[in-house]
């Protein structure tokens, strides 16, 4: 009965996080325009959900994150990244891969990190910090890696273009990391301890 309660609670949480991401995508809360690139706060629900709902939840939320990014090329969402349509028109397959694959990996890895600590019986502050930090770190690293590899032979590739992209994302990354870390640690600890009480 207790396990059933936990499972139901996780499904409810997953639905809530997906709903939050939907709201964020159609309000200024999800993506903040800073010029050519944007600051994404979608990393927050992914970081939260990956810990609270497990591996499946992390993958689902990572996929939802990728979808919100992908849809920007079609003008769907509150903030439309000016580079999205250009990336899609240049290479639709590369754009699709760059939007989805890194974000799915991010949700999966964040969940796996916390699961490893959990299995070892060490769900301490460090476990919450590392799982939260992994989301913005991997999101930036993987996005840039996929972008650099898949667009290197296009007009959007090349050393000069990559230099501009890296400099723009550096500032954005610091903000994303800080906000995700604080929210992830505080909220995840609270929700996780509540889930433990259900068991």
N, C-alpha and C. Protein backbone atom coordinates (compact mmCIF):
# COMPACT_ATOMS: atom_id res chain seq x y z
N UNK A 1 0.83 -1.21 0.00
CA UNK A 1 0.00 0.00 0.00
C UNK A 1 0.87 1.26 0.00
N UNK A 2 1.95 1.21 0.82
CA UNK A 2 2.84 2.37 0.89
C UNK A 2 3.53 2.61 -0.44
N UNK A 3 3.99 1.53 -1.08
CA UNK A 3 4.64 1.66 -2.39
C UNK A 3 3.67 2.21 -3.42
N UNK A 4 2.42 1.79 -3.33
CA UNK A 4 1.39 2.28 -4.25
C UNK A 4 1.17 3.77 -4.06
N UNK A 5 1.15 4.21 -2.80
CA UNK A 5 1.00 5.63 -2.51
C UNK A 5 2.16 6.43 -3.09
N UNK A 6 3.37 5.88 -2.95
CA UNK A 6 4.56 6.56 -3.47
C UNK A 6 4.49 6.66 -4.98
N UNK A 7 4.07 5.58 -5.64
CA UNK A 7 3.98 5.58 -7.10
C UNK A 7 2.96 6.60 -7.59
N UNK A 8 1.82 6.64 -6.94
CA UNK A 8 0.77 7.60 -7.30
C UNK A 8 1.28 9.03 -7.10
N UNK A 9 2.00 9.23 -5.99
CA UNK A 9 2.54 10.55 -5.70
C UNK A 9 3.55 10.97 -6.77
N UNK A 10 4.37 10.02 -7.23
CA UNK A 10 5.36 10.32 -8.27
C UNK A 10 4.70 10.68 -9.59
N UNK A 11 3.65 9.94 -9.93
CA UNK A 11 2.91 10.23 -11.17
C UNK A 11 2.28 11.61 -11.09
N UNK A 12 1.73 11.92 -9.93
CA UNK A 12 1.11 13.24 -9.73
C UNK A 12 2.16 14.34 -9.84
N UNK A 13 3.33 14.09 -9.26
CA UNK A 13 4.41 15.07 -9.34
C UNK A 13 4.86 15.26 -10.78
N UNK A 14 4.99 14.16 -11.51
CA UNK A 14 5.40 14.25 -12.91
C UNK A 14 4.41 15.07 -13.71
N UNK A 15 3.12 14.82 -13.49
CA UNK A 15 2.10 15.61 -14.18
C UNK A 15 2.20 17.08 -13.81
N UNK A 16 2.48 17.35 -12.54
CA UNK A 16 2.60 18.73 -12.09
C UNK A 16 3.78 19.42 -12.74
N UNK A 17 4.92 18.72 -12.80
CA UNK A 17 6.12 19.31 -13.42
C UNK A 17 5.91 19.56 -14.91
N UNK A 18 5.22 18.65 -15.58
CA UNK A 18 4.93 18.83 -17.01
C UNK A 18 4.01 20.04 -17.21
N UNK A 19 3.04 20.18 -16.32
CA UNK A 19 2.13 21.33 -16.39
C UNK A 19 2.89 22.63 -16.16
N UNK A 20 3.82 22.61 -15.20
CA UNK A 20 4.64 23.79 -14.91
C UNK A 20 5.48 24.16 -16.14
N UNK A 21 6.04 23.16 -16.80
CA UNK A 21 6.85 23.42 -17.99
C UNK A 21 5.99 24.00 -19.11
N UNK A 22 4.74 23.53 -19.20
CA UNK A 22 3.83 24.08 -20.19
C UNK A 22 3.55 25.55 -19.93
N UNK A 23 3.31 25.86 -18.66
CA UNK A 23 3.07 27.26 -18.29
C UNK A 23 4.31 28.11 -18.55
N UNK A 24 5.47 27.59 -18.17
CA UNK A 24 6.72 28.32 -18.36
C UNK A 24 6.99 28.60 -19.83
N UNK A 25 6.62 27.64 -20.68
CA UNK A 25 6.88 27.80 -22.11
C UNK A 25 6.05 28.91 -22.74
N UNK A 26 4.88 29.19 -22.15
CA UNK A 26 4.01 30.21 -22.73
C UNK A 26 3.94 31.48 -21.88
N UNK A 27 4.90 31.62 -20.98
CA UNK A 27 5.04 32.84 -20.17
C UNK A 27 6.52 33.22 -20.14
N UNK A 28 6.84 34.38 -19.62
CA UNK A 28 8.26 34.80 -19.56
C UNK A 28 9.11 33.96 -18.59
N UNK A 29 8.48 33.03 -17.86
CA UNK A 29 9.20 32.27 -16.85
C UNK A 29 10.14 31.21 -17.42
N UNK A 30 9.87 30.73 -18.63
CA UNK A 30 10.64 29.62 -19.18
C UNK A 30 11.93 30.02 -19.85
N UNK A 31 11.86 31.01 -20.72
CA UNK A 31 13.03 31.46 -21.47
C UNK A 31 13.10 32.99 -21.39
N UNK A 32 14.26 33.48 -21.02
CA UNK A 32 14.46 34.92 -20.90
C UNK A 32 15.39 35.38 -22.02
N UNK A 33 14.91 36.29 -22.87
CA UNK A 33 15.68 36.76 -24.01
C UNK A 33 16.82 37.66 -23.54
N UNK A 34 18.04 37.36 -24.04
CA UNK A 34 19.20 38.18 -23.71
C UNK A 34 19.94 38.62 -24.97
N UNK A 35 19.29 38.52 -26.11
CA UNK A 35 19.96 38.85 -27.37
C UNK A 35 19.88 37.68 -28.31
N UNK A 36 21.03 37.23 -28.82
CA UNK A 36 21.04 36.12 -29.77
C UNK A 36 20.58 34.83 -29.12
N UNK A 37 21.01 34.61 -27.86
CA UNK A 37 20.62 33.39 -27.14
C UNK A 37 19.80 33.76 -25.92
N UNK A 38 19.20 32.77 -25.30
CA UNK A 38 18.31 33.03 -24.17
C UNK A 38 18.76 32.27 -22.93
N UNK A 39 18.32 32.77 -21.79
CA UNK A 39 18.53 32.08 -20.52
C UNK A 39 17.32 31.17 -20.32
N UNK A 40 17.57 29.88 -20.14
CA UNK A 40 16.46 28.96 -19.95
C UNK A 40 16.34 28.55 -18.50
N UNK A 41 15.15 28.69 -17.96
CA UNK A 41 14.86 28.24 -16.60
C UNK A 41 14.12 26.91 -16.62
N UNK A 42 14.01 26.32 -17.81
CA UNK A 42 13.40 25.00 -17.92
C UNK A 42 14.25 23.94 -17.22
N UNK A 43 15.49 24.30 -16.91
CA UNK A 43 16.35 23.36 -16.20
C UNK A 43 15.83 23.09 -14.79
N UNK A 44 15.07 24.04 -14.24
CA UNK A 44 14.59 23.89 -12.86
C UNK A 44 13.62 22.72 -12.71
N UNK A 45 12.50 22.66 -13.47
CA UNK A 45 11.59 21.51 -13.31
C UNK A 45 12.24 20.19 -13.69
N UNK A 46 13.21 20.21 -14.62
CA UNK A 46 13.91 18.97 -14.97
C UNK A 46 14.75 18.49 -13.79
N UNK A 47 15.45 19.43 -13.15
CA UNK A 47 16.27 19.08 -11.99
C UNK A 47 15.40 18.57 -10.85
N UNK A 48 14.27 19.21 -10.65
CA UNK A 48 13.36 18.80 -9.58
C UNK A 48 12.74 17.44 -9.88
N UNK A 49 12.22 17.30 -11.07
CA UNK A 49 11.52 16.06 -11.43
C UNK A 49 12.42 14.85 -11.52
N UNK A 50 13.66 15.06 -11.92
CA UNK A 50 14.59 13.93 -12.05
C UNK A 50 14.86 13.28 -10.70
N UNK A 51 14.88 14.09 -9.66
CA UNK A 51 15.11 13.57 -8.31
C UNK A 51 13.82 12.99 -7.73
N UNK A 52 12.73 13.71 -7.89
CA UNK A 52 11.47 13.35 -7.25
C UNK A 52 10.70 12.23 -7.94
N UNK A 53 10.89 12.07 -9.25
CA UNK A 53 10.10 11.08 -9.98
C UNK A 53 10.94 9.94 -10.56
N UNK A 54 12.26 9.99 -10.40
CA UNK A 54 13.10 8.89 -10.83
C UNK A 54 13.54 8.96 -12.29
N UNK A 55 14.10 7.87 -12.76
CA UNK A 55 14.70 7.81 -14.10
C UNK A 55 13.67 8.04 -15.20
N UNK A 56 12.55 7.36 -15.12
CA UNK A 56 11.50 7.54 -16.14
C UNK A 56 11.03 8.99 -16.18
N UNK A 57 10.79 9.54 -15.00
CA UNK A 57 10.37 10.93 -14.92
C UNK A 57 11.40 11.88 -15.48
N UNK A 58 12.68 11.61 -15.20
CA UNK A 58 13.75 12.45 -15.72
C UNK A 58 13.79 12.45 -17.24
N UNK A 59 13.61 11.27 -17.83
CA UNK A 59 13.61 11.16 -19.30
C UNK A 59 12.41 11.89 -19.89
N UNK A 60 11.24 11.71 -19.28
CA UNK A 60 10.03 12.36 -19.77
C UNK A 60 10.17 13.88 -19.70
N UNK A 61 10.66 14.38 -18.59
CA UNK A 61 10.82 15.83 -18.43
C UNK A 61 11.91 16.38 -19.35
N UNK A 62 12.96 15.59 -19.56
CA UNK A 62 14.01 16.00 -20.49
C UNK A 62 13.46 16.10 -21.91
N UNK A 63 12.59 15.15 -22.26
CA UNK A 63 11.94 15.18 -23.58
C UNK A 63 11.04 16.40 -23.72
N UNK A 64 10.30 16.71 -22.66
CA UNK A 64 9.43 17.89 -22.67
C UNK A 64 10.26 19.17 -22.81
N UNK A 65 11.40 19.21 -22.15
CA UNK A 65 12.32 20.34 -22.26
C UNK A 65 12.76 20.51 -23.70
N UNK A 66 13.15 19.40 -24.33
CA UNK A 66 13.57 19.45 -25.73
C UNK A 66 12.46 19.91 -26.65
N UNK A 67 11.23 19.48 -26.34
CA UNK A 67 10.08 19.85 -27.16
C UNK A 67 9.84 21.36 -27.12
N UNK A 68 9.94 21.96 -25.93
CA UNK A 68 9.72 23.41 -25.83
C UNK A 68 10.76 24.17 -26.65
N UNK A 69 11.97 23.65 -26.68
CA UNK A 69 13.03 24.29 -27.47
C UNK A 69 12.78 24.09 -28.96
N UNK A 70 12.40 22.87 -29.33
CA UNK A 70 12.14 22.54 -30.73
C UNK A 70 11.03 23.39 -31.33
N UNK A 71 9.97 23.61 -30.56
CA UNK A 71 8.79 24.33 -31.06
C UNK A 71 9.06 25.81 -31.32
N UNK A 72 10.15 26.33 -30.77
CA UNK A 72 10.47 27.75 -30.99
C UNK A 72 10.73 28.06 -32.46
N UNK A 73 11.19 27.08 -33.20
CA UNK A 73 11.44 27.28 -34.63
C UNK A 73 10.15 27.52 -35.39
N UNK A 74 9.03 27.13 -34.80
CA UNK A 74 7.72 27.28 -35.45
C UNK A 74 6.88 28.37 -34.79
N UNK A 75 7.53 29.17 -33.95
CA UNK A 75 6.85 30.29 -33.33
C UNK A 75 5.90 29.89 -32.22
N UNK A 76 6.11 28.71 -31.64
CA UNK A 76 5.22 28.23 -30.57
C UNK A 76 5.90 28.43 -29.23
N UNK A 77 5.33 29.29 -28.42
CA UNK A 77 5.90 29.60 -27.11
C UNK A 77 5.92 31.10 -26.89
N UNK A 78 6.13 31.51 -25.65
CA UNK A 78 6.12 32.94 -25.35
C UNK A 78 7.36 33.62 -25.92
N UNK A 79 8.54 33.01 -25.66
CA UNK A 79 9.78 33.57 -26.14
C UNK A 79 10.25 32.78 -27.36
N UNK A 80 10.40 33.44 -28.48
CA UNK A 80 10.85 32.76 -29.69
C UNK A 80 12.32 33.10 -29.92
N UNK A 81 13.16 32.08 -29.77
CA UNK A 81 14.61 32.26 -29.97
C UNK A 81 14.85 32.65 -31.42
N UNK A 82 15.48 33.82 -31.68
CA UNK A 82 15.70 34.25 -33.06
C UNK A 82 16.60 33.32 -33.87
N UNK A 83 17.39 32.50 -33.16
CA UNK A 83 18.29 31.59 -33.88
C UNK A 83 17.62 30.26 -34.22
N UNK A 84 16.46 29.96 -33.60
CA UNK A 84 15.83 28.65 -33.76
C UNK A 84 15.44 28.36 -35.20
N UNK A 85 14.75 29.31 -35.83
CA UNK A 85 14.29 29.09 -37.20
C UNK A 85 15.48 28.97 -38.15
N UNK A 86 16.52 29.76 -37.92
CA UNK A 86 17.72 29.69 -38.76
C UNK A 86 18.38 28.33 -38.63
N UNK A 87 18.48 27.82 -37.41
CA UNK A 87 19.07 26.50 -37.18
C UNK A 87 18.24 25.42 -37.87
N UNK A 88 16.92 25.52 -37.75
CA UNK A 88 16.04 24.51 -38.36
C UNK A 88 16.14 24.54 -39.89
N UNK A 89 16.09 25.74 -40.47
CA UNK A 89 16.15 25.87 -41.93
C UNK A 89 17.49 25.42 -42.49
N UNK A 90 18.55 25.61 -41.71
CA UNK A 90 19.88 25.20 -42.17
C UNK A 90 20.01 23.68 -42.21
N UNK A 91 19.51 23.02 -41.17
CA UNK A 91 19.58 21.55 -41.11
C UNK A 91 18.52 21.05 -40.13
N UNK A 92 17.33 20.68 -40.63
CA UNK A 92 16.23 20.23 -39.76
C UNK A 92 16.59 19.05 -38.86
N UNK A 93 17.32 18.07 -39.41
CA UNK A 93 17.68 16.90 -38.61
C UNK A 93 18.64 17.29 -37.48
N UNK A 94 19.63 18.10 -37.81
CA UNK A 94 20.60 18.53 -36.80
C UNK A 94 19.90 19.33 -35.70
N UNK A 95 18.94 20.16 -36.09
CA UNK A 95 18.20 20.96 -35.13
C UNK A 95 17.39 20.06 -34.19
N UNK A 96 16.73 19.06 -34.76
CA UNK A 96 15.93 18.13 -33.97
C UNK A 96 16.79 17.38 -32.97
N UNK A 97 17.93 16.87 -33.43
CA UNK A 97 18.85 16.14 -32.55
C UNK A 97 19.37 17.05 -31.45
N UNK A 98 19.77 18.26 -31.82
CA UNK A 98 20.34 19.20 -30.85
C UNK A 98 19.32 19.61 -29.79
N UNK A 99 18.06 19.70 -30.17
CA UNK A 99 17.02 20.07 -29.21
C UNK A 99 16.69 18.93 -28.24
N UNK A 100 16.56 17.71 -28.76
CA UNK A 100 16.04 16.62 -27.95
C UNK A 100 17.11 15.79 -27.23
N UNK A 101 18.11 15.33 -27.94
CA UNK A 101 19.06 14.38 -27.36
C UNK A 101 19.77 14.91 -26.11
N UNK A 102 20.34 16.12 -26.14
CA UNK A 102 21.00 16.62 -24.93
C UNK A 102 20.06 16.71 -23.74
N UNK A 103 18.83 17.15 -23.96
CA UNK A 103 17.87 17.34 -22.87
C UNK A 103 17.41 16.01 -22.29
N UNK A 104 17.25 14.99 -23.15
CA UNK A 104 16.88 13.67 -22.65
C UNK A 104 18.02 13.09 -21.79
N UNK A 105 19.24 13.26 -22.28
CA UNK A 105 20.40 12.78 -21.53
C UNK A 105 20.50 13.50 -20.18
N UNK A 106 20.23 14.79 -20.18
CA UNK A 106 20.29 15.60 -18.96
C UNK A 106 19.34 15.06 -17.89
N UNK A 107 18.09 14.83 -18.27
CA UNK A 107 17.11 14.30 -17.32
C UNK A 107 17.49 12.92 -16.82
N UNK A 108 18.01 12.08 -17.72
CA UNK A 108 18.41 10.73 -17.36
C UNK A 108 19.59 10.74 -16.39
N UNK A 109 20.62 11.51 -16.70
CA UNK A 109 21.83 11.54 -15.87
C UNK A 109 21.54 12.11 -14.48
N UNK A 110 20.74 13.18 -14.42
CA UNK A 110 20.40 13.77 -13.12
C UNK A 110 19.70 12.74 -12.23
N UNK A 111 18.79 11.97 -12.82
CA UNK A 111 18.09 10.93 -12.07
C UNK A 111 19.04 9.82 -11.63
N UNK A 112 19.95 9.43 -12.53
CA UNK A 112 20.90 8.36 -12.22
C UNK A 112 21.86 8.76 -11.11
N UNK A 113 22.27 10.02 -11.11
CA UNK A 113 23.18 10.51 -10.06
C UNK A 113 22.51 10.38 -8.70
N UNK A 114 21.29 10.87 -8.62
CA UNK A 114 20.59 10.80 -7.33
C UNK A 114 20.29 9.36 -6.95
N UNK A 115 19.92 8.54 -7.93
CA UNK A 115 19.62 7.12 -7.66
C UNK A 115 20.86 6.42 -7.09
N UNK A 116 22.04 6.76 -7.59
CA UNK A 116 23.28 6.15 -7.10
C UNK A 116 23.50 6.48 -5.63
N UNK A 117 23.28 7.74 -5.27
CA UNK A 117 23.40 8.14 -3.86
C UNK A 117 22.35 7.44 -3.01
N UNK A 118 21.15 7.34 -3.55
CA UNK A 118 20.03 6.75 -2.82
C UNK A 118 20.31 5.28 -2.53
N UNK A 119 20.81 4.55 -3.52
CA UNK A 119 21.10 3.14 -3.33
C UNK A 119 22.22 2.93 -2.31
N UNK A 120 23.13 3.91 -2.27
CA UNK A 120 24.23 3.82 -1.31
C UNK A 120 23.81 4.30 0.08
N UNK A 121 22.56 4.73 0.20
CA UNK A 121 22.07 5.21 1.48
C UNK A 121 22.66 6.54 1.89
N UNK A 122 23.02 7.36 0.90
CA UNK A 122 23.67 8.65 1.19
C UNK A 122 22.93 9.80 0.52
N UNK A 123 21.66 9.91 0.83
CA UNK A 123 20.87 11.02 0.28
C UNK A 123 21.09 12.26 1.14
N UNK A 124 22.31 12.77 1.08
CA UNK A 124 22.68 13.96 1.85
C UNK A 124 22.66 15.20 0.97
N UNK A 125 23.15 16.30 1.51
CA UNK A 125 23.15 17.56 0.77
C UNK A 125 23.90 17.43 -0.55
N UNK A 126 25.02 16.70 -0.54
CA UNK A 126 25.82 16.55 -1.75
C UNK A 126 25.03 15.90 -2.87
N UNK A 127 24.19 14.93 -2.54
CA UNK A 127 23.40 14.24 -3.57
C UNK A 127 22.44 15.19 -4.26
N UNK A 128 21.84 16.09 -3.50
CA UNK A 128 20.92 17.07 -4.07
C UNK A 128 21.67 18.12 -4.90
N UNK A 129 22.84 18.50 -4.41
CA UNK A 129 23.64 19.50 -5.13
C UNK A 129 24.11 18.97 -6.48
N UNK A 130 24.68 17.77 -6.48
CA UNK A 130 25.22 17.20 -7.72
C UNK A 130 24.13 16.92 -8.75
N UNK A 131 23.00 16.40 -8.30
CA UNK A 131 21.91 16.11 -9.25
C UNK A 131 21.36 17.40 -9.84
N UNK A 132 21.27 18.46 -9.04
CA UNK A 132 20.76 19.74 -9.53
C UNK A 132 21.76 20.41 -10.47
N UNK A 133 23.03 20.40 -10.08
CA UNK A 133 24.08 21.05 -10.88
C UNK A 133 24.26 20.36 -12.23
N UNK A 134 24.07 19.04 -12.25
CA UNK A 134 24.29 18.29 -13.49
C UNK A 134 23.39 18.75 -14.63
N UNK A 135 22.20 19.26 -14.29
CA UNK A 135 21.24 19.65 -15.34
C UNK A 135 21.73 20.84 -16.16
N UNK A 136 22.02 22.01 -15.56
CA UNK A 136 22.50 23.13 -16.38
C UNK A 136 23.88 22.88 -16.97
N UNK A 137 24.74 22.16 -16.23
CA UNK A 137 26.10 21.89 -16.73
C UNK A 137 26.04 21.02 -17.98
N UNK A 138 25.34 19.89 -17.88
CA UNK A 138 25.25 18.99 -19.03
C UNK A 138 24.44 19.60 -20.17
N UNK A 139 23.41 20.36 -19.83
CA UNK A 139 22.61 20.99 -20.87
C UNK A 139 23.47 21.90 -21.74
N UNK A 140 24.31 22.72 -21.10
CA UNK A 140 25.17 23.63 -21.85
C UNK A 140 26.25 22.88 -22.61
N UNK A 141 26.92 21.95 -21.94
CA UNK A 141 28.01 21.21 -22.57
C UNK A 141 27.52 20.37 -23.76
N UNK A 142 26.42 19.65 -23.55
CA UNK A 142 25.91 18.79 -24.62
C UNK A 142 25.33 19.60 -25.78
N UNK A 143 24.61 20.68 -25.45
CA UNK A 143 24.06 21.53 -26.51
C UNK A 143 25.19 22.07 -27.38
N UNK A 144 26.25 22.58 -26.74
CA UNK A 144 27.36 23.15 -27.49
C UNK A 144 28.10 22.08 -28.29
N UNK A 145 28.22 20.90 -27.71
CA UNK A 145 28.91 19.81 -28.41
C UNK A 145 28.14 19.38 -29.66
N UNK A 146 26.84 19.18 -29.49
CA UNK A 146 26.01 18.78 -30.64
C UNK A 146 25.98 19.89 -31.69
N UNK A 147 25.90 21.14 -31.22
CA UNK A 147 25.89 22.27 -32.15
C UNK A 147 27.19 22.32 -32.93
N UNK A 148 28.31 22.21 -32.23
CA UNK A 148 29.62 22.30 -32.87
C UNK A 148 29.84 21.18 -33.89
N UNK A 149 29.39 19.97 -33.54
CA UNK A 149 29.59 18.82 -34.43
C UNK A 149 28.63 18.83 -35.62
N UNK A 150 27.36 19.08 -35.34
CA UNK A 150 26.34 18.96 -36.39
C UNK A 150 26.28 20.17 -37.33
N UNK A 151 26.75 21.32 -36.87
CA UNK A 151 26.68 22.52 -37.71
C UNK A 151 28.06 23.01 -38.17
N UNK A 152 29.09 22.19 -37.97
CA UNK A 152 30.44 22.64 -38.29
C UNK A 152 30.66 22.89 -39.79
N UNK A 153 29.91 22.20 -40.63
CA UNK A 153 30.08 22.36 -42.08
C UNK A 153 29.04 23.28 -42.70
N UNK A 154 28.34 24.02 -41.85
CA UNK A 154 27.32 24.95 -42.35
C UNK A 154 27.79 26.39 -42.13
N UNK A 155 26.98 27.31 -42.60
CA UNK A 155 27.30 28.72 -42.43
C UNK A 155 27.27 29.14 -40.95
N UNK A 156 26.61 28.30 -40.12
CA UNK A 156 26.51 28.59 -38.69
C UNK A 156 27.65 27.98 -37.89
N UNK A 157 28.59 27.37 -38.59
CA UNK A 157 29.75 26.78 -37.92
C UNK A 157 30.98 27.65 -38.07
N UNK A 158 32.14 27.10 -37.75
CA UNK A 158 33.37 27.86 -37.90
C UNK A 158 33.83 28.45 -36.57
N UNK A 159 35.13 28.74 -36.49
CA UNK A 159 35.74 29.22 -35.25
C UNK A 159 35.17 30.54 -34.78
N UNK A 160 34.97 31.49 -35.69
CA UNK A 160 34.50 32.81 -35.29
C UNK A 160 33.07 32.76 -34.74
N UNK A 161 32.24 31.96 -35.40
CA UNK A 161 30.85 31.81 -34.94
C UNK A 161 30.82 31.14 -33.57
N UNK A 162 31.63 30.09 -33.40
CA UNK A 162 31.66 29.36 -32.14
C UNK A 162 32.16 30.24 -31.01
N UNK A 163 33.08 31.13 -31.29
CA UNK A 163 33.61 32.04 -30.27
C UNK A 163 32.50 32.95 -29.74
N UNK A 164 31.67 33.45 -30.65
CA UNK A 164 30.56 34.32 -30.26
C UNK A 164 29.54 33.54 -29.44
N UNK A 165 29.25 32.33 -29.89
CA UNK A 165 28.27 31.49 -29.21
C UNK A 165 28.73 31.16 -27.78
N UNK A 166 29.99 30.75 -27.64
CA UNK A 166 30.52 30.39 -26.33
C UNK A 166 30.50 31.58 -25.37
N UNK A 167 30.87 32.75 -25.86
CA UNK A 167 30.87 33.94 -25.00
C UNK A 167 29.47 34.31 -24.56
N UNK A 168 28.50 34.15 -25.45
CA UNK A 168 27.11 34.48 -25.12
C UNK A 168 26.56 33.50 -24.09
N UNK A 169 26.90 32.22 -24.24
CA UNK A 169 26.37 31.20 -23.35
C UNK A 169 27.04 31.18 -21.98
N UNK A 170 28.24 31.76 -21.88
CA UNK A 170 28.96 31.76 -20.61
C UNK A 170 28.17 32.50 -19.53
N UNK A 171 27.71 33.70 -19.87
CA UNK A 171 26.93 34.50 -18.92
C UNK A 171 25.60 33.82 -18.61
N UNK A 172 24.95 33.32 -19.64
CA UNK A 172 23.67 32.64 -19.45
C UNK A 172 23.82 31.42 -18.55
N UNK A 173 24.91 30.69 -18.75
CA UNK A 173 25.15 29.47 -17.98
C UNK A 173 25.27 29.75 -16.49
N UNK A 174 25.97 30.81 -16.14
CA UNK A 174 26.16 31.16 -14.72
C UNK A 174 24.81 31.41 -14.05
N UNK A 175 23.94 32.12 -14.73
CA UNK A 175 22.61 32.42 -14.18
C UNK A 175 21.79 31.14 -14.06
N UNK A 176 21.78 30.33 -15.12
CA UNK A 176 21.03 29.07 -15.10
C UNK A 176 21.52 28.15 -13.99
N UNK A 177 22.82 28.08 -13.83
CA UNK A 177 23.42 27.22 -12.81
C UNK A 177 23.02 27.66 -11.41
N UNK A 178 23.12 28.95 -11.16
CA UNK A 178 22.80 29.49 -9.83
C UNK A 178 21.35 29.26 -9.45
N UNK A 179 20.45 29.61 -10.37
CA UNK A 179 19.02 29.49 -10.08
C UNK A 179 18.62 28.02 -9.92
N UNK A 180 19.10 27.16 -10.80
CA UNK A 180 18.76 25.73 -10.74
C UNK A 180 19.32 25.09 -9.48
N UNK A 181 20.53 25.47 -9.09
CA UNK A 181 21.15 24.91 -7.89
C UNK A 181 20.34 25.25 -6.64
N UNK A 182 20.02 26.51 -6.48
CA UNK A 182 19.28 26.95 -5.29
C UNK A 182 17.89 26.29 -5.22
N UNK A 183 17.16 26.39 -6.33
CA UNK A 183 15.80 25.82 -6.36
C UNK A 183 15.84 24.30 -6.22
N UNK A 184 16.78 23.68 -6.92
CA UNK A 184 16.86 22.23 -6.91
C UNK A 184 17.15 21.66 -5.53
N UNK A 185 18.11 22.26 -4.84
CA UNK A 185 18.48 21.75 -3.51
C UNK A 185 17.37 21.98 -2.49
N UNK A 186 16.87 23.19 -2.43
CA UNK A 186 15.86 23.53 -1.42
C UNK A 186 14.56 22.74 -1.62
N UNK A 187 14.03 22.78 -2.84
CA UNK A 187 12.74 22.13 -3.10
C UNK A 187 12.87 20.61 -3.08
N UNK A 188 13.94 20.08 -3.68
CA UNK A 188 14.10 18.63 -3.73
C UNK A 188 14.24 18.01 -2.34
N UNK A 189 14.98 18.67 -1.48
CA UNK A 189 15.13 18.15 -0.12
C UNK A 189 13.78 18.07 0.58
N UNK A 190 12.99 19.10 0.41
CA UNK A 190 11.67 19.15 1.05
C UNK A 190 10.75 18.06 0.53
N UNK A 191 10.67 17.96 -0.81
CA UNK A 191 9.78 16.98 -1.42
C UNK A 191 10.25 15.55 -1.14
N UNK A 192 11.55 15.33 -1.21
CA UNK A 192 12.09 13.99 -1.00
C UNK A 192 11.80 13.49 0.42
N UNK A 193 11.99 14.35 1.40
CA UNK A 193 11.74 13.95 2.78
C UNK A 193 10.25 13.68 3.02
N UNK A 194 9.42 14.40 2.30
CA UNK A 194 7.97 14.14 2.38
C UNK A 194 7.66 12.77 1.80
N UNK A 195 8.32 12.43 0.68
CA UNK A 195 8.11 11.12 0.06
C UNK A 195 8.59 9.99 0.98
N UNK A 196 9.66 10.25 1.69
CA UNK A 196 10.18 9.23 2.61
C UNK A 196 9.16 8.94 3.70
N UNK A 197 8.45 9.98 4.12
CA UNK A 197 7.43 9.79 5.16
C UNK A 197 6.29 8.91 4.67
N UNK A 198 6.02 8.96 3.36
CA UNK A 198 4.95 8.12 2.79
C UNK A 198 5.32 6.64 2.90
N UNK A 199 6.64 6.38 2.93
CA UNK A 199 7.10 5.00 3.01
C UNK A 199 7.32 4.57 4.46
